[in-house]
Amino acid sequence: MPRSESDPRDPLTVAFGRRLRGVREHRGLSRDALATVSGLSHRALDYIELGHRKPTLSTIVALADALGVTPGSLVDGLLPDDG
Protein backbone atom coordinates (compact mmCIF):
# COMPACT_ATOMS: atom_id res chain seq x y z
CA MET A 1 0.00 0.00 0.00
CA PRO A 2 1.99 2.99 -1.18
CA ARG A 3 1.53 6.35 0.44
CA SER A 4 -0.37 8.94 -1.56
CA GLU A 5 1.23 12.35 -1.95
CA SER A 6 -2.07 13.92 -0.92
CA ASP A 7 -2.48 11.66 2.14
CA PRO A 8 0.59 11.45 4.39
CA ARG A 9 -0.93 8.81 6.70
CA ASP A 10 0.70 5.39 6.86
CA PRO A 11 -1.42 2.97 4.76
CA LEU A 12 -1.12 0.17 7.34
CA THR A 13 -2.29 2.49 10.11
CA VAL A 14 -5.24 3.58 7.95
CA ALA A 15 -6.11 -0.05 7.17
CA PHE A 16 -6.03 -0.94 10.87
CA GLY A 17 -8.31 1.98 11.69
CA ARG A 18 -10.80 0.89 9.04
CA ARG A 19 -10.73 -2.68 10.33
CA LEU A 20 -11.25 -1.50 13.90
CA ARG A 21 -14.17 0.69 12.93
CA GLY A 22 -15.77 -2.14 10.96
CA VAL A 23 -15.51 -4.57 13.88
CA ARG A 24 -16.78 -1.94 16.31
CA GLU A 25 -19.79 -1.15 14.12
CA HIS A 26 -20.48 -4.86 13.53
CA ARG A 27 -20.55 -5.32 17.32
CA GLY A 28 -22.99 -2.39 17.61
CA LEU A 29 -20.70 -0.24 19.75
CA SER A 30 -20.32 3.51 19.57
CA ARG A 31 -16.85 5.04 19.71
CA ASP A 32 -17.66 6.35 23.18
CA ALA A 33 -18.66 2.89 24.40
CA LEU A 34 -15.51 1.25 22.99
CA ALA A 35 -13.32 3.98 24.44
CA THR A 36 -14.86 3.49 27.87
CA VAL A 37 -14.64 -0.31 27.85
CA SER A 38 -11.09 -0.39 26.45
CA GLY A 39 -9.75 2.34 28.73
CA LEU A 40 -8.69 4.59 25.85
CA SER A 41 -9.54 8.24 25.66
CA HIS A 42 -12.20 9.16 23.12
CA ARG A 43 -9.64 11.26 21.25
CA ALA A 44 -7.13 8.41 21.07
CA LEU A 45 -9.76 6.06 19.66
CA ASP A 46 -10.83 8.68 17.11
CA TYR A 47 -7.23 9.13 15.96
CA ILE A 48 -6.68 5.38 15.68
CA GLU A 49 -9.87 4.80 13.67
CA LEU A 50 -9.01 7.69 11.35
CA GLY A 51 -5.48 6.36 10.80
CA HIS A 52 -3.76 9.31 12.43
CA ARG A 53 -2.25 7.34 15.33
CA LYS A 54 -0.42 4.01 15.32
CA PRO A 55 -1.70 1.82 18.14
CA THR A 56 0.76 0.05 20.40
CA LEU A 57 0.53 -3.68 20.95
CA SER A 58 -1.00 -3.13 24.39
CA THR A 59 -3.63 -0.85 22.80
CA ILE A 60 -4.47 -3.49 20.19
CA VAL A 61 -4.87 -6.08 22.95
CA ALA A 62 -7.10 -3.75 25.00
CA LEU A 63 -9.28 -3.00 21.97
CA ALA A 64 -9.55 -6.68 21.08
CA ASP A 65 -10.53 -7.57 24.65
CA ALA A 66 -13.16 -4.83 24.69
CA LEU A 67 -14.57 -6.04 21.35
CA GLY A 68 -14.51 -9.72 22.34
CA VAL A 69 -12.18 -10.69 19.50
CA THR A 70 -8.56 -11.84 19.28
CA PRO A 71 -5.83 -9.29 18.62
CA GLY A 72 -4.94 -11.32 15.55
CA SER A 73 -8.37 -10.78 14.04
CA LEU A 74 -7.74 -7.03 14.10
CA VAL A 75 -4.45 -7.28 12.22
CA ASP A 76 -4.66 -10.47 10.14
CA GLY A 77 -4.48 -9.75 6.42
CA LEU A 78 -3.53 -6.08 6.72
CA LEU A 79 -0.09 -6.70 5.25
CA PRO A 80 0.12 -7.87 1.65
CA ASP A 81 1.55 -11.39 1.22
CA ASP A 82 5.22 -11.50 0.40
CA GLY A 83 4.52 -14.23 -2.07
PDB file of N, CA and C in Angstrom:
ATOM      1  N   MET A   1       0.832  -1.177   0.000  1.00  0.00           N
ATOM      2  CA  MET A   1       0.000   0.000   0.000  1.00  0.00           C
ATOM      3  C   MET A   1       0.873   1.234   0.000  1.00  0.00           C
ATOM      4  N   PRO A   2       1.145   1.803  -1.145  1.00  0.00           N
ATOM      5  CA  PRO A   2       1.990   2.993  -1.181  1.00  0.00           C
ATOM      6  C   PRO A   2       1.270   4.203  -0.616  1.00  0.00           C
ATOM      7  N   ARG A   3       2.051   5.115  -0.121  1.00  0.00           N
ATOM      8  CA  ARG A   3       1.534   6.346   0.437  1.00  0.00           C
ATOM      9  C   ARG A   3       1.185   7.321  -0.674  1.00  0.00           C
ATOM     10  N   SER A   4       0.042   7.943  -0.588  1.00  0.00           N
ATOM     11  CA  SER A   4      -0.374   8.943  -1.565  1.00  0.00           C
ATOM     12  C   SER A   4       0.262  10.274  -1.208  1.00  0.00           C
ATOM     13  N   GLU A   5       0.651  11.037  -2.213  1.00  0.00           N
ATOM     14  CA  GLU A   5       1.231  12.355  -1.948  1.00  0.00           C
ATOM     15  C   GLU A   5       0.229  13.261  -1.257  1.00  0.00           C
ATOM     16  N   SER A   6      -1.062  13.069  -1.530  1.00  0.00           N
ATOM     17  CA  SER A   6      -2.075  13.917  -0.924  1.00  0.00           C
ATOM     18  C   SER A   6      -2.503  13.428   0.463  1.00  0.00           C
ATOM     19  N   ASP A   7      -2.117  12.213   0.843  1.00  0.00           N
ATOM     20  CA  ASP A   7      -2.484  11.660   2.143  1.00  0.00           C
ATOM     21  C   ASP A   7      -1.226  11.119   2.810  1.00  0.00           C
ATOM     22  N   PRO A   8      -0.672  11.856   3.773  1.00  0.00           N
ATOM     23  CA  PRO A   8       0.591  11.447   4.391  1.00  0.00           C
ATOM     24  C   PRO A   8       0.468  10.324   5.420  1.00  0.00           C
ATOM     25  N   ARG A   9      -0.752   9.860   5.695  1.00  0.00           N
ATOM     26  CA  ARG A   9      -0.926   8.805   6.703  1.00  0.00           C
ATOM     27  C   ARG A   9      -0.337   7.487   6.203  1.00  0.00           C
ATOM     28  N   ASP A  10       0.152   6.706   7.159  1.00  0.00           N
ATOM     29  CA  ASP A  10       0.700   5.386   6.863  1.00  0.00           C
ATOM     30  C   ASP A  10      -0.435   4.461   6.425  1.00  0.00           C
ATOM     31  N   PRO A  11      -0.331   3.824   5.259  1.00  0.00           N
ATOM     32  CA  PRO A  11      -1.420   2.966   4.763  1.00  0.00           C
ATOM     33  C   PRO A  11      -1.793   1.826   5.711  1.00  0.00           C
ATOM     34  N   LEU A  12      -0.822   1.248   6.397  1.00  0.00           N
ATOM     35  CA  LEU A  12      -1.117   0.167   7.336  1.00  0.00           C
ATOM     36  C   LEU A  12      -1.918   0.693   8.527  1.00  0.00           C
ATOM     37  N   THR A  13      -1.568   1.877   8.995  1.00  0.00           N
ATOM     38  CA  THR A  13      -2.293   2.493  10.105  1.00  0.00           C
ATOM     39  C   THR A  13      -3.727   2.817   9.692  1.00  0.00           C
ATOM     40  N   VAL A  14      -3.905   3.288   8.470  1.00  0.00           N
ATOM     41  CA  VAL A  14      -5.238   3.582   7.949  1.00  0.00           C
ATOM     42  C   VAL A  14      -6.050   2.291   7.834  1.00  0.00           C
ATOM     43  N   ALA A  15      -5.421   1.234   7.323  1.00  0.00           N
ATOM     44  CA  ALA A  15      -6.110  -0.051   7.172  1.00  0.00           C
ATOM     45  C   ALA A  15      -6.532  -0.606   8.530  1.00  0.00           C
ATOM     46  N   PHE A  16      -5.669  -0.475   9.531  1.00  0.00           N
ATOM     47  CA  PHE A  16      -6.028  -0.942  10.872  1.00  0.00           C
ATOM     48  C   PHE A  16      -7.221  -0.157  11.395  1.00  0.00           C
ATOM     49  N   GLY A  17      -7.203   1.147  11.223  1.00  0.00           N
ATOM     50  CA  GLY A  17      -8.306   1.982  11.688  1.00  0.00           C
ATOM     51  C   GLY A  17      -9.625   1.604  11.041  1.00  0.00           C
ATOM     52  N   ARG A  18      -9.585   1.323   9.747  1.00  0.00           N
ATOM     53  CA  ARG A  18     -10.796   0.894   9.041  1.00  0.00           C
ATOM     54  C   ARG A  18     -11.292  -0.454   9.561  1.00  0.00           C
ATOM     55  N   ARG A  19     -10.362  -1.373   9.791  1.00  0.00           N
ATOM     56  CA  ARG A  19     -10.733  -2.685  10.331  1.00  0.00           C
ATOM     57  C   ARG A  19     -11.370  -2.523  11.705  1.00  0.00           C
ATOM     58  N   LEU A  20     -10.735  -1.719  12.549  1.00  0.00           N
ATOM     59  CA  LEU A  20     -11.245  -1.501  13.899  1.00  0.00           C
ATOM     60  C   LEU A  20     -12.657  -0.920  13.859  1.00  0.00           C
ATOM     61  N   ARG A  21     -12.851   0.068  13.033  1.00  0.00           N
ATOM     62  CA  ARG A  21     -14.172   0.690  12.927  1.00  0.00           C
ATOM     63  C   ARG A  21     -15.217  -0.328  12.449  1.00  0.00           C
ATOM     64  N   GLY A  22     -14.848  -1.135  11.472  1.00  0.00           N
ATOM     65  CA  GLY A  22     -15.766  -2.138  10.961  1.00  0.00           C
ATOM     66  C   GLY A  22     -16.187  -3.143  12.031  1.00  0.00           C
ATOM     67  N   VAL A  23     -15.209  -3.611  12.808  1.00  0.00           N
ATOM     68  CA  VAL A  23     -15.513  -4.566  13.879  1.00  0.00           C
ATOM     69  C   VAL A  23     -16.372  -3.890  14.944  1.00  0.00           C
ATOM     70  N   ARG A  24     -16.010  -2.673  15.301  1.00  0.00           N
ATOM     71  CA  ARG A  24     -16.781  -1.939  16.313  1.00  0.00           C
ATOM     72  C   ARG A  24     -18.232  -1.772  15.873  1.00  0.00           C
ATOM     73  N   GLU A  25     -18.432  -1.344  14.623  1.00  0.00           N
ATOM     74  CA  GLU A  25     -19.786  -1.151  14.118  1.00  0.00           C
ATOM     75  C   GLU A  25     -20.540  -2.472  14.023  1.00  0.00           C
ATOM     76  N   HIS A  26     -19.853  -3.536  13.612  1.00  0.00           N
ATOM     77  CA  HIS A  26     -20.478  -4.858  13.534  1.00  0.00           C
ATOM     78  C   HIS A  26     -20.951  -5.317  14.919  1.00  0.00           C
ATOM     79  N   ARG A  27     -20.197  -4.959  15.941  1.00  0.00           N
ATOM     80  CA  ARG A  27     -20.550  -5.319  17.324  1.00  0.00           C
ATOM     81  C   ARG A  27     -21.614  -4.377  17.902  1.00  0.00           C
ATOM     82  N   GLY A  28     -21.952  -3.323  17.151  1.00  0.00           N
ATOM     83  CA  GLY A  28     -22.987  -2.390  17.610  1.00  0.00           C
ATOM     84  C   GLY A  28     -22.536  -1.430  18.691  1.00  0.00           C
ATOM     85  N   LEU A  29     -21.238  -1.152  18.736  1.00  0.00           N
ATOM     86  CA  LEU A  29     -20.696  -0.244  19.749  1.00  0.00           C
ATOM     87  C   LEU A  29     -20.428   1.137  19.175  1.00  0.00           C
ATOM     88  N   SER A  30     -20.700   2.152  19.946  1.00  0.00           N
ATOM     89  CA  SER A  30     -20.320   3.512  19.569  1.00  0.00           C
ATOM     90  C   SER A  30     -18.835   3.694  19.892  1.00  0.00           C
ATOM     91  N   ARG A  31     -18.249   4.744  19.352  1.00  0.00           N
ATOM     92  CA  ARG A  31     -16.854   5.044  19.705  1.00  0.00           C
ATOM     93  C   ARG A  31     -16.737   5.308  21.201  1.00  0.00           C
ATOM     94  N   ASP A  32     -17.699   6.047  21.746  1.00  0.00           N
ATOM     95  CA  ASP A  32     -17.658   6.352  23.179  1.00  0.00           C
ATOM     96  C   ASP A  32     -17.693   5.079  24.015  1.00  0.00           C
ATOM     97  N   ALA A  33     -18.551   4.137  23.640  1.00  0.00           N
ATOM     98  CA  ALA A  33     -18.658   2.887  24.399  1.00  0.00           C
ATOM     99  C   ALA A  33     -17.358   2.100  24.323  1.00  0.00           C
ATOM    100  N   LEU A  34     -16.771   1.994  23.125  1.00  0.00           N
ATOM    101  CA  LEU A  34     -15.513   1.251  22.991  1.00  0.00           C
ATOM    102  C   LEU A  34     -14.397   1.944  23.754  1.00  0.00           C
ATOM    103  N   ALA A  35     -14.349   3.247  23.704  1.00  0.00           N
ATOM    104  CA  ALA A  35     -13.315   3.977  24.444  1.00  0.00           C
ATOM    105  C   ALA A  35     -13.432   3.692  25.936  1.00  0.00           C
ATOM    106  N   THR A  36     -14.643   3.729  26.448  1.00  0.00           N
ATOM    107  CA  THR A  36     -14.860   3.489  27.874  1.00  0.00           C
ATOM    108  C   THR A  36     -14.459   2.074  28.270  1.00  0.00           C
ATOM    109  N   VAL A  37     -14.910   1.091  27.509  1.00  0.00           N
ATOM    110  CA  VAL A  37     -14.640  -0.308  27.854  1.00  0.00           C
ATOM    111  C   VAL A  37     -13.152  -0.644  27.706  1.00  0.00           C
ATOM    112  N   SER A  38     -12.503  -0.065  26.700  1.00  0.00           N
ATOM    113  CA  SER A  38     -11.091  -0.388  26.447  1.00  0.00           C
ATOM    114  C   SER A  38     -10.129   0.418  27.311  1.00  0.00           C
ATOM    115  N   GLY A  39     -10.623   1.499  27.916  1.00  0.00           N
ATOM    116  CA  GLY A  39      -9.749   2.338  28.731  1.00  0.00           C
ATOM    117  C   GLY A  39      -8.994   3.392  27.947  1.00  0.00           C
ATOM    118  N   LEU A  40      -9.316   3.550  26.664  1.00  0.00           N
ATOM    119  CA  LEU A  40      -8.690   4.585  25.853  1.00  0.00           C
ATOM    120  C   LEU A  40      -9.476   5.876  25.978  1.00  0.00           C
ATOM    121  N   SER A  41      -8.805   6.979  25.716  1.00  0.00           N
ATOM    122  CA  SER A  41      -9.540   8.243  25.658  1.00  0.00           C
ATOM    123  C   SER A  41     -10.336   8.270  24.353  1.00  0.00           C
ATOM    124  N   HIS A  42     -11.392   9.051  24.335  1.00  0.00           N
ATOM    125  CA  HIS A  42     -12.200   9.163  23.116  1.00  0.00           C
ATOM    126  C   HIS A  42     -11.355   9.711  21.971  1.00  0.00           C
ATOM    127  N   ARG A  43     -10.501  10.661  22.274  1.00  0.00           N
ATOM    128  CA  ARG A  43      -9.642  11.260  21.246  1.00  0.00           C
ATOM    129  C   ARG A  43      -8.667  10.236  20.674  1.00  0.00           C
ATOM    130  N   ALA A  44      -8.074   9.432  21.541  1.00  0.00           N
ATOM    131  CA  ALA A  44      -7.126   8.411  21.069  1.00  0.00           C
ATOM    132  C   ALA A  44      -7.824   7.434  20.137  1.00  0.00           C
ATOM    133  N   LEU A  45      -9.020   6.991  20.507  1.00  0.00           N
ATOM    134  CA  LEU A  45      -9.760   6.061  19.659  1.00  0.00           C
ATOM    135  C   LEU A  45     -10.119   6.707  18.331  1.00  0.00           C
ATOM    136  N   ASP A  46     -10.539   7.963  18.355  1.00  0.00           N
ATOM    137  CA  ASP A  46     -10.829   8.677  17.108  1.00  0.00           C
ATOM    138  C   ASP A  46      -9.611   8.695  16.204  1.00  0.00           C
ATOM    139  N   TYR A  47      -8.454   9.056  16.759  1.00  0.00           N
ATOM    140  CA  TYR A  47      -7.235   9.135  15.958  1.00  0.00           C
ATOM    141  C   TYR A  47      -6.838   7.779  15.390  1.00  0.00           C
ATOM    142  N   ILE A  48      -7.017   6.720  16.166  1.00  0.00           N
ATOM    143  CA  ILE A  48      -6.683   5.378  15.676  1.00  0.00           C
ATOM    144  C   ILE A  48      -7.613   4.989  14.533  1.00  0.00           C
ATOM    145  N   GLU A  49      -8.924   5.183  14.719  1.00  0.00           N
ATOM    146  CA  GLU A  49      -9.874   4.802  13.669  1.00  0.00           C
ATOM    147  C   GLU A  49      -9.675   5.618  12.393  1.00  0.00           C
ATOM    148  N   LEU A  50      -9.227   6.845  12.517  1.00  0.00           N
ATOM    149  CA  LEU A  50      -9.009   7.693  11.346  1.00  0.00           C
ATOM    150  C   LEU A  50      -7.625   7.495  10.726  1.00  0.00           C
ATOM    151  N   GLY A  51      -6.806   6.641  11.343  1.00  0.00           N
ATOM    152  CA  GLY A  51      -5.483   6.358  10.796  1.00  0.00           C
ATOM    153  C   GLY A  51      -4.450   7.424  11.070  1.00  0.00           C
ATOM    154  N   HIS A  52      -4.695   8.243  12.083  1.00  0.00           N
ATOM    155  CA  HIS A  52      -3.756   9.312  12.433  1.00  0.00           C
ATOM    156  C   HIS A  52      -2.839   8.934  13.587  1.00  0.00           C
ATOM    157  N   ARG A  53      -3.090   7.778  14.215  1.00  0.00           N
ATOM    158  CA  ARG A  53      -2.253   7.343  15.325  1.00  0.00           C
ATOM    159  C   ARG A  53      -2.028   5.845  15.208  1.00  0.00           C
ATOM    160  N   LYS A  54      -0.764   5.428  15.352  1.00  0.00           N
ATOM    161  CA  LYS A  54      -0.418   4.008  15.323  1.00  0.00           C
ATOM    162  C   LYS A  54      -0.640   3.425  16.718  1.00  0.00           C
ATOM    163  N   PRO A  55      -1.477   2.401  16.815  1.00  0.00           N
ATOM    164  CA  PRO A  55      -1.703   1.816  18.137  1.00  0.00           C
ATOM    165  C   PRO A  55      -0.524   0.946  18.563  1.00  0.00           C
ATOM    166  N   THR A  56      -0.256   0.947  19.856  1.00  0.00           N
ATOM    167  CA  THR A  56       0.758   0.048  20.401  1.00  0.00           C
ATOM    168  C   THR A  56       0.160  -1.351  20.519  1.00  0.00           C
ATOM    169  N   LEU A  57       1.008  -2.322  20.771  1.00  0.00           N
ATOM    170  CA  LEU A  57       0.532  -3.683  20.953  1.00  0.00           C
ATOM    171  C   LEU A  57      -0.431  -3.765  22.133  1.00  0.00           C
ATOM    172  N   SER A  58      -0.111  -3.084  23.223  1.00  0.00           N
ATOM    173  CA  SER A  58      -1.002  -3.132  24.390  1.00  0.00           C
ATOM    174  C   SER A  58      -2.349  -2.486  24.072  1.00  0.00           C
ATOM    175  N   THR A  59      -2.372  -1.470  23.218  1.00  0.00           N
ATOM    176  CA  THR A  59      -3.631  -0.849  22.805  1.00  0.00           C
ATOM    177  C   THR A  59      -4.437  -1.809  21.943  1.00  0.00           C
ATOM    178  N   ILE A  60      -3.778  -2.505  21.031  1.00  0.00           N
ATOM    179  CA  ILE A  60      -4.474  -3.486  20.189  1.00  0.00           C
ATOM    180  C   ILE A  60      -5.089  -4.581  21.051  1.00  0.00           C
ATOM    181  N   VAL A  61      -4.354  -5.046  22.052  1.00  0.00           N
ATOM    182  CA  VAL A  61      -4.870  -6.082  22.952  1.00  0.00           C
ATOM    183  C   VAL A  61      -6.067  -5.551  23.744  1.00  0.00           C
ATOM    184  N   ALA A  62      -5.987  -4.330  24.243  1.00  0.00           N
ATOM    185  CA  ALA A  62      -7.104  -3.749  24.998  1.00  0.00           C
ATOM    186  C   ALA A  62      -8.341  -3.592  24.121  1.00  0.00           C
ATOM    187  N   LEU A  63      -8.144  -3.156  22.890  1.00  0.00           N
ATOM    188  CA  LEU A  63      -9.275  -3.005  21.970  1.00  0.00           C
ATOM    189  C   LEU A  63      -9.894  -4.354  21.642  1.00  0.00           C
ATOM    190  N   ALA A  64      -9.048  -5.338  21.389  1.00  0.00           N
ATOM    191  CA  ALA A  64      -9.554  -6.675  21.078  1.00  0.00           C
ATOM    192  C   ALA A  64     -10.345  -7.244  22.252  1.00  0.00           C
ATOM    193  N   ASP A  65      -9.822  -7.094  23.456  1.00  0.00           N
ATOM    194  CA  ASP A  65     -10.531  -7.575  24.646  1.00  0.00           C
ATOM    195  C   ASP A  65     -11.891  -6.887  24.776  1.00  0.00           C
ATOM    196  N   ALA A  66     -11.916  -5.587  24.564  1.00  0.00           N
ATOM    197  CA  ALA A  66     -13.163  -4.827  24.685  1.00  0.00           C
ATOM    198  C   ALA A  66     -14.175  -5.241  23.622  1.00  0.00           C
ATOM    199  N   LEU A  67     -13.684  -5.638  22.449  1.00  0.00           N
ATOM    200  CA  LEU A  67     -14.566  -6.042  21.349  1.00  0.00           C
ATOM    201  C   LEU A  67     -14.927  -7.529  21.401  1.00  0.00           C
ATOM    202  N   GLY A  68     -14.251  -8.290  22.257  1.00  0.00           N
ATOM    203  CA  GLY A  68     -14.508  -9.719  22.342  1.00  0.00           C
ATOM    204  C   GLY A  68     -13.954 -10.498  21.159  1.00  0.00           C
ATOM    205  N   VAL A  69     -12.834 -10.016  20.625  1.00  0.00           N
ATOM    206  CA  VAL A  69     -12.176 -10.689  19.505  1.00  0.00           C
ATOM    207  C   VAL A  69     -10.708 -10.903  19.865  1.00  0.00           C
ATOM    208  N   THR A  70      -9.994 -11.655  19.043  1.00  0.00           N
ATOM    209  CA  THR A  70      -8.565 -11.844  19.277  1.00  0.00           C
ATOM    210  C   THR A  70      -7.797 -10.671  18.670  1.00  0.00           C
ATOM    211  N   PRO A  71      -6.647 -10.331  19.230  1.00  0.00           N
ATOM    212  CA  PRO A  71      -5.834  -9.285  18.617  1.00  0.00           C
ATOM    213  C   PRO A  71      -5.491  -9.616  17.161  1.00  0.00           C
ATOM    214  N   GLY A  72      -5.264 -10.899  16.897  1.00  0.00           N
ATOM    215  CA  GLY A  72      -4.935 -11.315  15.546  1.00  0.00           C
ATOM    216  C   GLY A  72      -6.024 -10.991  14.536  1.00  0.00           C
ATOM    217  N   SER A  73      -7.274 -11.071  14.979  1.00  0.00           N
ATOM    218  CA  SER A  73      -8.372 -10.776  14.041  1.00  0.00           C
ATOM    219  C   SER A  73      -8.400  -9.311  13.636  1.00  0.00           C
ATOM    220  N   LEU A  74      -7.791  -8.453  14.443  1.00  0.00           N
ATOM    221  CA  LEU A  74      -7.743  -7.034  14.095  1.00  0.00           C
ATOM    222  C   LEU A  74      -6.610  -6.704  13.120  1.00  0.00           C
ATOM    223  N   VAL A  75      -5.603  -7.586  13.063  1.00  0.00           N
ATOM    224  CA  VAL A  75      -4.448  -7.282  12.224  1.00  0.00           C
ATOM    225  C   VAL A  75      -4.243  -8.268  11.078  1.00  0.00           C
ATOM    226  N   ASP A  76      -4.868  -9.445  11.154  1.00  0.00           N
ATOM    227  CA  ASP A  76      -4.660 -10.469  10.136  1.00  0.00           C
ATOM    228  C   ASP A  76      -5.065  -9.955   8.754  1.00  0.00           C
ATOM    229  N   GLY A  77      -4.176 -10.122   7.800  1.00  0.00           N
ATOM    230  CA  GLY A  77      -4.477  -9.745   6.423  1.00  0.00           C
ATOM    231  C   GLY A  77      -4.261  -8.288   6.075  1.00  0.00           C
ATOM    232  N   LEU A  78      -3.778  -7.491   7.023  1.00  0.00           N
ATOM    233  CA  LEU A  78      -3.534  -6.083   6.722  1.00  0.00           C
ATOM    234  C   LEU A  78      -2.284  -5.883   5.870  1.00  0.00           C
ATOM    235  N   LEU A  79      -1.306  -6.763   6.055  1.00  0.00           N
ATOM    236  CA  LEU A  79      -0.090  -6.697   5.248  1.00  0.00           C
ATOM    237  C   LEU A  79      -0.259  -7.545   3.998  1.00  0.00           C
ATOM    238  N   PRO A  80       0.199  -7.049   2.853  1.00  0.00           N
ATOM    239  CA  PRO A  80       0.121  -7.874   1.652  1.00  0.00           C
ATOM    240  C   PRO A  80       1.065  -9.071   1.793  1.00  0.00           C
ATOM    241  N   ASP A  81       0.694 -10.202   1.192  1.00  0.00           N
ATOM    242  CA  ASP A  81       1.550 -11.386   1.222  1.00  0.00           C
ATOM    243  C   ASP A  81       2.847 -11.112   0.487  1.00  0.00           C
ATOM    244  N   ASP A  82       3.916 -11.675   1.038  1.00  0.00           N
ATOM    245  CA  ASP A  82       5.225 -11.498   0.401  1.00  0.00           C
ATOM    246  C   ASP A  82       5.416 -12.482  -0.764  1.00  0.00           C
ATOM    247  N   GLY A  83       4.495 -13.402  -0.911  1.00  0.00           N
ATOM    248  CA  GLY A  83       4.515 -14.233  -2.065  1.00  0.00           C
ATOM    249  C   GLY A  83       5.033 -15.580  -1.911  1.00  0.00           C
TER     250      GLY A  83
END
